[in-house]
Each structure stands twice: as structure tokens, then as C-alpha cells.
Amino acid sequence: MPSIMAATSKDSERAIGVAPERLGLEEQIRLAGKFVALEIYTPEALPLRRIEAIGDSLEECIRTLTRRGLNPTLFEFVRLPNPF
């Protein structure tokens, strides 16, 4: 049985650029309850559904996107569910 531990910054770094549905079980467990930023679909752009920011709050996700030079208004924010 995998140990249930809190997400570390390394877990978050590894998940950036990965589609939420492609996270492994241990990653899903460690990141459960975290907010993630995913680019919003528009007719002009078909974005890949990959995680661009992870945080304990929406504000933390927005700060991360801004630091990366990304416009937070182009993203949706969802909370990752527990896989069980």
C-alpha cells in the first residue's frame, strides 16, 4: 500500500506539464486536494490539457502563473480529486 504523504515541491515540479489523467497513482494521492491551472480551450487555440501551476490555493496558482509570465485569465483552476 503506498504511503500517503503530503506533496513536496518536487512532486509539484514533476507534475508541471503533465496531463492530470496521466499522473501516476502515488502522484494523484500526494497531489489530491491541490489546485491546478489548466489552459482554457478557445476556438483559436486547442490547448493541451496539462498542468501549468499547482498550489494549495487559487492565489498560489495565480502567483505561479504570473511568475512564469503566463496570463492567469487564460486558465481554469480545478482541485485535484482523491483517486479513491
Protein backbone atom coordinates (compact mmCIF):
# COMPACT_ATOMS: atom_id res chain seq x y z
CA MET A 1 0.00 0.00 0.00
CA PRO A 2 1.50 3.38 -0.96
CA SER A 3 2.28 5.71 1.88
CA ILE A 4 0.04 8.74 1.99
CA MET A 5 2.30 11.76 2.33
CA ALA A 6 1.89 15.42 1.66
CA ALA A 7 3.05 16.70 -1.71
CA THR A 8 6.55 18.10 -1.81
CA SER A 9 7.79 20.82 -4.12
CA LYS A 10 9.48 18.05 -6.14
CA ASP A 11 6.09 16.36 -6.64
CA SER A 12 4.69 19.64 -7.91
CA GLU A 13 7.67 20.29 -10.19
CA ARG A 14 7.38 16.82 -11.75
CA ALA A 15 3.65 17.30 -12.40
CA ILE A 16 4.06 20.59 -14.29
CA GLY A 17 3.49 19.92 -17.98
CA VAL A 18 1.69 16.62 -17.34
CA ALA A 19 -1.98 15.99 -18.12
CA PRO A 20 -3.90 15.33 -14.87
CA GLU A 21 -5.16 11.99 -16.18
CA ARG A 22 -1.56 10.86 -16.80
CA LEU A 23 -0.44 11.29 -13.18
CA GLY A 24 0.57 8.05 -11.50
CA LEU A 25 -1.37 6.75 -8.51
CA GLU A 26 1.17 7.94 -5.93
CA GLU A 27 1.26 11.38 -7.58
CA GLN A 28 -2.54 11.52 -7.55
CA ILE A 29 -2.56 10.64 -3.84
CA ARG A 30 0.10 13.22 -2.96
CA LEU A 31 -1.50 15.99 -5.01
CA ALA A 32 -5.12 15.29 -4.02
CA GLY A 33 -6.80 18.48 -2.84
CA LYS A 34 -4.30 20.78 -4.57
CA PHE A 35 -5.46 23.34 -7.10
CA VAL A 36 -4.06 23.13 -10.62
CA ALA A 37 -4.19 25.57 -13.54
CA LEU A 38 -5.14 24.21 -16.97
CA GLU A 39 -5.27 26.36 -20.10
CA ILE A 40 -8.83 27.19 -21.20
CA TYR A 41 -9.97 25.95 -24.60
CA THR A 42 -10.79 28.61 -27.16
CA PRO A 43 -11.71 28.15 -30.84
CA GLU A 44 -8.43 29.87 -31.75
CA ALA A 45 -6.31 27.51 -29.68
CA LEU A 46 -6.71 23.89 -28.77
CA PRO A 47 -4.51 23.73 -25.67
CA LEU A 48 -3.05 20.56 -24.31
CA ARG A 49 -4.68 19.62 -21.03
CA ARG A 50 -1.56 19.83 -18.96
CA ILE A 51 -0.88 21.24 -15.54
CA GLU A 52 0.77 24.67 -15.69
CA ALA A 53 0.66 25.55 -11.97
CA ILE A 54 -0.05 23.75 -8.69
CA GLY A 55 -0.88 25.27 -5.32
CA ASP A 56 -2.75 24.94 -2.05
CA SER A 57 -4.95 27.87 -3.11
CA LEU A 58 -6.12 29.64 -6.24
CA GLU A 59 -4.00 32.62 -5.28
CA GLU A 60 -0.87 30.45 -5.17
CA CYS A 61 -1.64 29.09 -8.66
CA ILE A 62 -2.14 32.63 -9.98
CA ARG A 63 1.16 33.79 -8.46
CA THR A 64 2.97 30.83 -10.06
CA LEU A 65 1.47 31.53 -13.49
CA THR A 66 2.37 35.22 -13.20
CA ARG A 67 5.97 34.38 -12.20
CA ARG A 68 6.18 32.16 -15.29
CA GLY A 69 4.97 35.05 -17.49
CA LEU A 70 1.59 33.41 -18.20
CA ASN A 71 -1.74 35.24 -18.16
CA PRO A 72 -3.92 33.72 -15.37
CA THR A 73 -7.13 34.80 -17.15
CA LEU A 74 -6.41 32.18 -19.84
CA PHE A 75 -6.55 29.31 -17.33
CA GLU A 76 -9.16 27.35 -15.46
CA PHE A 77 -8.46 26.23 -11.92
CA VAL A 78 -9.59 22.86 -10.61
CA ARG A 79 -8.96 20.96 -7.44
CA LEU A 80 -7.45 17.51 -7.98
CA PRO A 81 -9.68 14.80 -6.53
CA ASN A 82 -8.61 11.91 -4.34
CA PRO A 83 -8.23 8.89 -6.64
CA PHE A 84 -10.30 6.69 -4.33
